[in-house]
Amino acid sequence: PKVVTDLDEEEIRKRMELMETFVEELSGEEGSDDDGLVAPKGLDQQADAEEATRRDRSDNDSDELDE
Protein backbone atom coordinates (compact mmCIF):
# COMPACT_ATOMS: atom_id res chain seq x y z
CA PRO A 1 0.00 0.00 0.00
CA LYS A 2 1.15 3.50 -0.79
CA VAL A 3 1.04 6.19 1.90
CA VAL A 4 -0.44 9.45 0.72
CA THR A 5 0.87 12.61 2.36
CA ASP A 6 0.90 16.35 1.76
CA LEU A 7 4.65 16.46 2.36
CA ASP A 8 7.10 15.87 -0.42
CA GLU A 9 10.11 13.60 0.05
CA GLU A 10 12.51 16.50 0.62
CA GLU A 11 10.36 17.88 3.44
CA ILE A 12 10.11 14.43 5.01
CA ARG A 13 13.92 14.06 4.88
CA LYS A 14 14.39 17.46 6.55
CA ARG A 15 11.98 16.58 9.34
CA MET A 16 13.63 13.21 9.90
CA GLU A 17 17.05 14.89 10.17
CA LEU A 18 15.67 17.39 12.65
CA MET A 19 14.18 14.58 14.72
CA GLU A 20 17.48 12.67 14.69
CA THR A 21 19.37 15.79 15.76
CA PHE A 22 16.88 16.39 18.56
CA VAL A 23 17.18 12.81 19.81
CA GLU A 24 20.99 13.03 19.76
CA GLU A 25 20.89 16.25 21.77
CA LEU A 26 18.59 14.70 24.34
CA SER A 27 20.67 11.56 24.72
CA GLY A 28 23.84 13.63 25.09
CA GLU A 29 22.46 15.50 28.11
CA GLU A 30 21.87 12.44 30.30
CA GLY A 31 25.01 13.02 32.36
CA SER A 32 24.02 16.52 33.41
CA ASP A 33 20.44 15.95 34.45
CA ASP A 34 20.78 17.31 37.99
CA ASP A 35 18.08 19.91 37.46
CA GLY A 36 15.31 17.37 37.92
CA LEU A 37 16.48 16.06 41.29
CA VAL A 38 14.23 16.77 44.26
CA ALA A 39 15.22 16.26 47.88
CA PRO A 40 12.93 14.09 50.02
CA LYS A 41 10.37 16.05 51.99
CA GLY A 42 11.83 17.46 55.19
CA LEU A 43 15.46 16.79 54.26
CA ASP A 44 16.32 20.47 53.86
CA GLN A 45 14.62 21.35 57.14
CA GLN A 46 16.54 18.60 58.92
CA ALA A 47 19.86 19.78 57.46
CA ASP A 48 19.08 23.40 58.35
CA ALA A 49 18.25 22.43 61.93
CA GLU A 50 21.49 20.45 62.26
CA GLU A 51 23.51 23.35 60.86
CA ALA A 52 21.83 25.80 63.25
CA THR A 53 22.61 23.49 66.17
CA ARG A 54 26.26 23.29 65.11
CA ARG A 55 26.43 27.07 64.75
CA ASP A 56 24.93 27.57 68.21
CA ARG A 57 27.45 25.18 69.73
CA SER A 58 30.39 26.90 68.02
CA ASP A 59 29.08 30.31 69.12
CA ASN A 60 28.78 29.08 72.71
CA ASP A 61 32.29 27.61 72.58
CA SER A 62 33.77 30.89 71.38
CA ASP A 63 31.87 32.81 74.09
CA GLU A 64 33.37 30.57 76.77
CA LEU A 65 36.88 31.29 75.48
CA ASP A 66 36.30 35.05 75.77
CA GLU A 67 35.45 34.84 79.48
PDB file of N, CA and C in Angstrom:
ATOM      1  N   PRO A   1       0.830  -1.195   0.000  1.00  0.00           N
ATOM      2  CA  PRO A   1       0.000   0.000   0.000  1.00  0.00           C
ATOM      3  C   PRO A   1       0.871   1.255   0.000  1.00  0.00           C
ATOM      4  N   LYS A   2       0.421   2.241  -0.693  1.00  0.00           N
ATOM      5  CA  LYS A   2       1.150   3.496  -0.786  1.00  0.00           C
ATOM      6  C   LYS A   2       0.559   4.498   0.203  1.00  0.00           C
ATOM      7  N   VAL A   3       1.464   5.191   0.928  1.00  0.00           N
ATOM      8  CA  VAL A   3       1.039   6.190   1.898  1.00  0.00           C
ATOM      9  C   VAL A   3       0.927   7.530   1.188  1.00  0.00           C
ATOM     10  N   VAL A   4      -0.221   8.157   1.346  1.00  0.00           N
ATOM     11  CA  VAL A   4      -0.441   9.453   0.721  1.00  0.00           C
ATOM     12  C   VAL A   4      -0.218  10.531   1.776  1.00  0.00           C
ATOM     13  N   THR A   5       0.576  11.534   1.425  1.00  0.00           N
ATOM     14  CA  THR A   5       0.866  12.610   2.362  1.00  0.00           C
ATOM     15  C   THR A   5       0.965  13.932   1.617  1.00  0.00           C
ATOM     16  N   ASP A   6       0.774  15.021   2.349  1.00  0.00           N
ATOM     17  CA  ASP A   6       0.895  16.352   1.759  1.00  0.00           C
ATOM     18  C   ASP A   6       2.360  16.784   1.650  1.00  0.00           C
ATOM     19  N   LEU A   7       3.237  16.091   2.350  1.00  0.00           N
ATOM     20  CA  LEU A   7       4.645  16.461   2.362  1.00  0.00           C
ATOM     21  C   LEU A   7       5.390  15.775   1.223  1.00  0.00           C
ATOM     22  N   ASP A   8       6.281  16.496   0.606  1.00  0.00           N
ATOM     23  CA  ASP A   8       7.098  15.865  -0.419  1.00  0.00           C
ATOM     24  C   ASP A   8       8.289  15.166   0.251  1.00  0.00           C
ATOM     25  N   GLU A   9       9.024  14.392  -0.513  1.00  0.00           N
ATOM     26  CA  GLU A   9      10.112  13.601   0.053  1.00  0.00           C
ATOM     27  C   GLU A   9      11.198  14.469   0.677  1.00  0.00           C
ATOM     28  N   GLU A  10      11.481  15.602   0.080  1.00  0.00           N
ATOM     29  CA  GLU A  10      12.510  16.502   0.617  1.00  0.00           C
ATOM     30  C   GLU A  10      12.103  17.022   1.999  1.00  0.00           C
ATOM     31  N   GLU A  11      10.859  17.391   2.146  1.00  0.00           N
ATOM     32  CA  GLU A  11      10.359  17.882   3.437  1.00  0.00           C
ATOM     33  C   GLU A  11      10.406  16.769   4.480  1.00  0.00           C
ATOM     34  N   ILE A  12      10.063  15.571   4.088  1.00  0.00           N
ATOM     35  CA  ILE A  12      10.108  14.431   5.007  1.00  0.00           C
ATOM     36  C   ILE A  12      11.547  14.200   5.463  1.00  0.00           C
ATOM     37  N   ARG A  13      12.508  14.247   4.538  1.00  0.00           N
ATOM     38  CA  ARG A  13      13.918  14.064   4.879  1.00  0.00           C
ATOM     39  C   ARG A  13      14.384  15.124   5.879  1.00  0.00           C
ATOM     40  N   LYS A  14      13.996  16.374   5.643  1.00  0.00           N
ATOM     41  CA  LYS A  14      14.386  17.460   6.547  1.00  0.00           C
ATOM     42  C   LYS A  14      13.844  17.215   7.956  1.00  0.00           C
ATOM     43  N   ARG A  15      12.595  16.820   8.024  1.00  0.00           N
ATOM     44  CA  ARG A  15      11.982  16.582   9.337  1.00  0.00           C
ATOM     45  C   ARG A  15      12.633  15.403  10.051  1.00  0.00           C
ATOM     46  N   MET A  16      12.967  14.366   9.300  1.00  0.00           N
ATOM     47  CA  MET A  16      13.634  13.205   9.896  1.00  0.00           C
ATOM     48  C   MET A  16      15.008  13.607  10.445  1.00  0.00           C
ATOM     49  N   GLU A  17      15.744  14.435   9.702  1.00  0.00           N
ATOM     50  CA  GLU A  17      17.049  14.895  10.167  1.00  0.00           C
ATOM     51  C   GLU A  17      16.912  15.733  11.434  1.00  0.00           C
ATOM     52  N   LEU A  18      15.904  16.588  11.457  1.00  0.00           N
ATOM     53  CA  LEU A  18      15.670  17.393  12.655  1.00  0.00           C
ATOM     54  C   LEU A  18      15.347  16.510  13.859  1.00  0.00           C
ATOM     55  N   MET A  19      14.533  15.495  13.636  1.00  0.00           N
ATOM     56  CA  MET A  19      14.180  14.582  14.723  1.00  0.00           C
ATOM     57  C   MET A  19      15.415  13.835  15.218  1.00  0.00           C
ATOM     58  N   GLU A  20      16.261  13.372  14.301  1.00  0.00           N
ATOM     59  CA  GLU A  20      17.478  12.670  14.687  1.00  0.00           C
ATOM     60  C   GLU A  20      18.397  13.583  15.494  1.00  0.00           C
ATOM     61  N   THR A  21      18.532  14.821  15.051  1.00  0.00           N
ATOM     62  CA  THR A  21      19.368  15.789  15.762  1.00  0.00           C
ATOM     63  C   THR A  21      18.825  16.028  17.162  1.00  0.00           C
ATOM     64  N   PHE A  22      17.520  16.160  17.265  1.00  0.00           N
ATOM     65  CA  PHE A  22      16.883  16.392  18.558  1.00  0.00           C
ATOM     66  C   PHE A  22      17.119  15.212  19.501  1.00  0.00           C
ATOM     67  N   VAL A  23      16.973  14.005  18.994  1.00  0.00           N
ATOM     68  CA  VAL A  23      17.178  12.807  19.812  1.00  0.00           C
ATOM     69  C   VAL A  23      18.634  12.724  20.268  1.00  0.00           C
ATOM     70  N   GLU A  24      19.571  13.045  19.388  1.00  0.00           N
ATOM     71  CA  GLU A  24      20.987  13.025  19.756  1.00  0.00           C
ATOM     72  C   GLU A  24      21.279  14.041  20.855  1.00  0.00           C
ATOM     73  N   GLU A  25      20.683  15.220  20.751  1.00  0.00           N
ATOM     74  CA  GLU A  25      20.889  16.246  21.773  1.00  0.00           C
ATOM     75  C   GLU A  25      20.339  15.785  23.116  1.00  0.00           C
ATOM     76  N   LEU A  26      19.181  15.173  23.090  1.00  0.00           N
ATOM     77  CA  LEU A  26      18.585  14.698  24.337  1.00  0.00           C
ATOM     78  C   LEU A  26      19.426  13.601  24.968  1.00  0.00           C
ATOM     79  N   SER A  27      19.897  12.668  24.176  1.00  0.00           N
ATOM     80  CA  SER A  27      20.668  11.560  24.724  1.00  0.00           C
ATOM     81  C   SER A  27      22.034  12.028  25.204  1.00  0.00           C
ATOM     82  N   GLY A  28      22.552  13.108  24.663  1.00  0.00           N
ATOM     83  CA  GLY A  28      23.842  13.633  25.086  1.00  0.00           C
ATOM     84  C   GLY A  28      23.785  14.365  26.403  1.00  0.00           C
ATOM     85  N   GLU A  29      22.609  14.723  26.877  1.00  0.00           N
ATOM     86  CA  GLU A  29      22.456  15.497  28.106  1.00  0.00           C
ATOM     87  C   GLU A  29      22.156  14.634  29.321  1.00  0.00           C
ATOM     88  N   GLU A  30      22.225  13.320  29.185  1.00  0.00           N
ATOM     89  CA  GLU A  30      21.867  12.443  30.296  1.00  0.00           C
ATOM     90  C   GLU A  30      22.777  12.628  31.502  1.00  0.00           C
ATOM     91  N   GLY A  31      24.062  12.887  31.266  1.00  0.00           N
ATOM     92  CA  GLY A  31      25.008  13.016  32.360  1.00  0.00           C
ATOM     93  C   GLY A  31      24.802  14.257  33.201  1.00  0.00           C
ATOM     94  N   SER A  32      24.172  15.271  32.670  1.00  0.00           N
ATOM     95  CA  SER A  32      24.022  16.525  33.407  1.00  0.00           C
ATOM     96  C   SER A  32      22.566  16.807  33.739  1.00  0.00           C
ATOM     97  N   ASP A  33      21.863  15.799  34.168  1.00  0.00           N
ATOM     98  CA  ASP A  33      20.441  15.951  34.445  1.00  0.00           C
ATOM     99  C   ASP A  33      20.190  16.158  35.937  1.00  0.00           C
ATOM    100  N   ASP A  34      20.957  17.048  36.563  1.00  0.00           N
ATOM    101  CA  ASP A  34      20.778  17.306  37.985  1.00  0.00           C
ATOM    102  C   ASP A  34      19.620  18.242  38.266  1.00  0.00           C
ATOM    103  N   ASP A  35      19.150  18.948  37.259  1.00  0.00           N
ATOM    104  CA  ASP A  35      18.077  19.912  37.457  1.00  0.00           C
ATOM    105  C   ASP A  35      16.793  19.264  37.948  1.00  0.00           C
ATOM    106  N   GLY A  36      16.561  18.017  37.580  1.00  0.00           N
ATOM    107  CA  GLY A  36      15.314  17.366  37.920  1.00  0.00           C
ATOM    108  C   GLY A  36      15.310  16.701  39.281  1.00  0.00           C
ATOM    109  N   LEU A  37      16.413  16.734  40.002  1.00  0.00           N
ATOM    110  CA  LEU A  37      16.478  16.057  41.287  1.00  0.00           C
ATOM    111  C   LEU A  37      15.734  16.849  42.353  1.00  0.00           C
ATOM    112  N   VAL A  38      14.993  16.139  43.188  1.00  0.00           N
ATOM    113  CA  VAL A  38      14.227  16.772  44.256  1.00  0.00           C
ATOM    114  C   VAL A  38      14.577  16.069  45.560  1.00  0.00           C
ATOM    115  N   ALA A  39      14.886  16.837  46.582  1.00  0.00           N
ATOM    116  CA  ALA A  39      15.217  16.261  47.880  1.00  0.00           C
ATOM    117  C   ALA A  39      13.955  15.700  48.530  1.00  0.00           C
ATOM    118  N   PRO A  40      14.093  14.620  49.298  1.00  0.00           N
ATOM    119  CA  PRO A  40      12.934  14.091  50.015  1.00  0.00           C
ATOM    120  C   PRO A  40      12.356  15.145  50.949  1.00  0.00           C
ATOM    121  N   LYS A  41      11.058  15.057  51.162  1.00  0.00           N
ATOM    122  CA  LYS A  41      10.365  16.046  51.985  1.00  0.00           C
ATOM    123  C   LYS A  41      10.975  16.091  53.390  1.00  0.00           C
ATOM    124  N   GLY A  42      11.283  17.278  53.853  1.00  0.00           N
ATOM    125  CA  GLY A  42      11.827  17.460  55.188  1.00  0.00           C
ATOM    126  C   GLY A  42      13.340  17.379  55.274  1.00  0.00           C
ATOM    127  N   LEU A  43      14.003  16.947  54.219  1.00  0.00           N
ATOM    128  CA  LEU A  43      15.455  16.792  54.259  1.00  0.00           C
ATOM    129  C   LEU A  43      16.145  18.135  54.453  1.00  0.00           C
ATOM    130  N   ASP A  44      15.713  19.141  53.727  1.00  0.00           N
ATOM    131  CA  ASP A  44      16.317  20.465  53.858  1.00  0.00           C
ATOM    132  C   ASP A  44      16.089  21.036  55.253  1.00  0.00           C
ATOM    133  N   GLN A  45      14.910  20.835  55.801  1.00  0.00           N
ATOM    134  CA  GLN A  45      14.616  21.345  57.137  1.00  0.00           C
ATOM    135  C   GLN A  45      15.502  20.656  58.167  1.00  0.00           C
ATOM    136  N   GLN A  46      15.697  19.361  57.997  1.00  0.00           N
ATOM    137  CA  GLN A  46      16.537  18.605  58.923  1.00  0.00           C
ATOM    138  C   GLN A  46      17.981  19.101  58.845  1.00  0.00           C
ATOM    139  N   ALA A  47      18.483  19.293  57.643  1.00  0.00           N
ATOM    140  CA  ALA A  47      19.858  19.775  57.461  1.00  0.00           C
ATOM    141  C   ALA A  47      20.015  21.179  58.031  1.00  0.00           C
ATOM    142  N   ASP A  48      19.023  22.036  57.816  1.00  0.00           N
ATOM    143  CA  ASP A  48      19.078  23.397  58.350  1.00  0.00           C
ATOM    144  C   ASP A  48      19.100  23.384  59.878  1.00  0.00           C
ATOM    145  N   ALA A  49      18.299  22.513  60.477  1.00  0.00           N
ATOM    146  CA  ALA A  49      18.251  22.425  61.932  1.00  0.00           C
ATOM    147  C   ALA A  49      19.593  21.939  62.481  1.00  0.00           C
ATOM    148  N   GLU A  50      20.187  20.949  61.815  1.00  0.00           N
ATOM    149  CA  GLU A  50      21.488  20.447  62.262  1.00  0.00           C
ATOM    150  C   GLU A  50      22.561  21.525  62.137  1.00  0.00           C
ATOM    151  N   GLU A  51      22.532  22.279  61.061  1.00  0.00           N
ATOM    152  CA  GLU A  51      23.510  23.348  60.860  1.00  0.00           C
ATOM    153  C   GLU A  51      23.335  24.440  61.917  1.00  0.00           C
ATOM    154  N   ALA A  52      22.095  24.784  62.231  1.00  0.00           N
ATOM    155  CA  ALA A  52      21.827  25.801  63.249  1.00  0.00           C
ATOM    156  C   ALA A  52      22.331  25.326  64.611  1.00  0.00           C
ATOM    157  N   THR A  53      22.141  24.050  64.905  1.00  0.00           N
ATOM    158  CA  THR A  53      22.611  23.492  66.171  1.00  0.00           C
ATOM    159  C   THR A  53      24.132  23.570  66.246  1.00  0.00           C
ATOM    160  N   ARG A  54      24.793  23.215  65.151  1.00  0.00           N
ATOM    161  CA  ARG A  54      26.256  23.289  65.109  1.00  0.00           C
ATOM    162  C   ARG A  54      26.738  24.730  65.291  1.00  0.00           C
ATOM    163  N   ARG A  55      26.047  25.663  64.641  1.00  0.00           N
ATOM    164  CA  ARG A  55      26.428  27.072  64.750  1.00  0.00           C
ATOM    165  C   ARG A  55      26.271  27.565  66.190  1.00  0.00           C
ATOM    166  N   ASP A  56      25.166  27.165  66.822  1.00  0.00           N
ATOM    167  CA  ASP A  56      24.930  27.573  68.210  1.00  0.00           C
ATOM    168  C   ASP A  56      26.027  27.032  69.117  1.00  0.00           C
ATOM    169  N   ARG A  57      26.399  25.783  68.912  1.00  0.00           N
ATOM    170  CA  ARG A  57      27.454  25.182  69.733  1.00  0.00           C
ATOM    171  C   ARG A  57      28.776  25.908  69.529  1.00  0.00           C
ATOM    172  N   SER A  58      29.113  26.213  68.280  1.00  0.00           N
ATOM    173  CA  SER A  58      30.389  26.896  68.025  1.00  0.00           C
ATOM    174  C   SER A  58      30.352  28.321  68.579  1.00  0.00           C
ATOM    175  N   ASP A  59      29.207  28.973  68.538  1.00  0.00           N
ATOM    176  CA  ASP A  59      29.084  30.312  69.122  1.00  0.00           C
ATOM    177  C   ASP A  59      29.258  30.247  70.636  1.00  0.00           C
ATOM    178  N   ASN A  60      28.658  29.246  71.261  1.00  0.00           N
ATOM    179  CA  ASN A  60      28.781  29.084  72.706  1.00  0.00           C
ATOM    180  C   ASN A  60      30.220  28.767  73.087  1.00  0.00           C
ATOM    181  N   ASP A  61      30.895  27.953  72.311  1.00  0.00           N
ATOM    182  CA  ASP A  61      32.289  27.610  72.584  1.00  0.00           C
ATOM    183  C   ASP A  61      33.172  28.844  72.503  1.00  0.00           C
ATOM    184  N   SER A  62      32.947  29.687  71.525  1.00  0.00           N
ATOM    185  CA  SER A  62      33.768  30.895  71.376  1.00  0.00           C
ATOM    186  C   SER A  62      33.455  31.896  72.485  1.00  0.00           C
ATOM    187  N   ASP A  63      32.218  31.921  72.975  1.00  0.00           N
ATOM    188  CA  ASP A  63      31.865  32.807  74.086  1.00  0.00           C
ATOM    189  C   ASP A  63      32.595  32.385  75.354  1.00  0.00           C
ATOM    190  N   GLU A  64      32.704  31.072  75.580  1.00  0.00           N
ATOM    191  CA  GLU A  64      33.373  30.571  76.771  1.00  0.00           C
ATOM    192  C   GLU A  64      34.854  30.924  76.747  1.00  0.00           C
ATOM    193  N   LEU A  65      35.465  30.954  75.585  1.00  0.00           N
ATOM    194  CA  LEU A  65      36.876  31.295  75.478  1.00  0.00           C
ATOM    195  C   LEU A  65      37.120  32.761  75.801  1.00  0.00           C
ATOM    196  N   ASP A  66      36.156  33.618  75.520  1.00  0.00           N
ATOM    197  CA  ASP A  66      36.304  35.045  75.769  1.00  0.00           C
ATOM    198  C   ASP A  66      36.276  35.371  77.255  1.00  0.00           C
ATOM    199  N   GLU A  67      35.622  34.542  78.052  1.00  0.00           N
ATOM    200  CA  GLU A  67      35.449  34.843  79.483  1.00  0.00           C
ATOM    201  C   GLU A  67      36.662  34.535  80.301  1.00  0.00           C
TER     202      GLU A  67
END
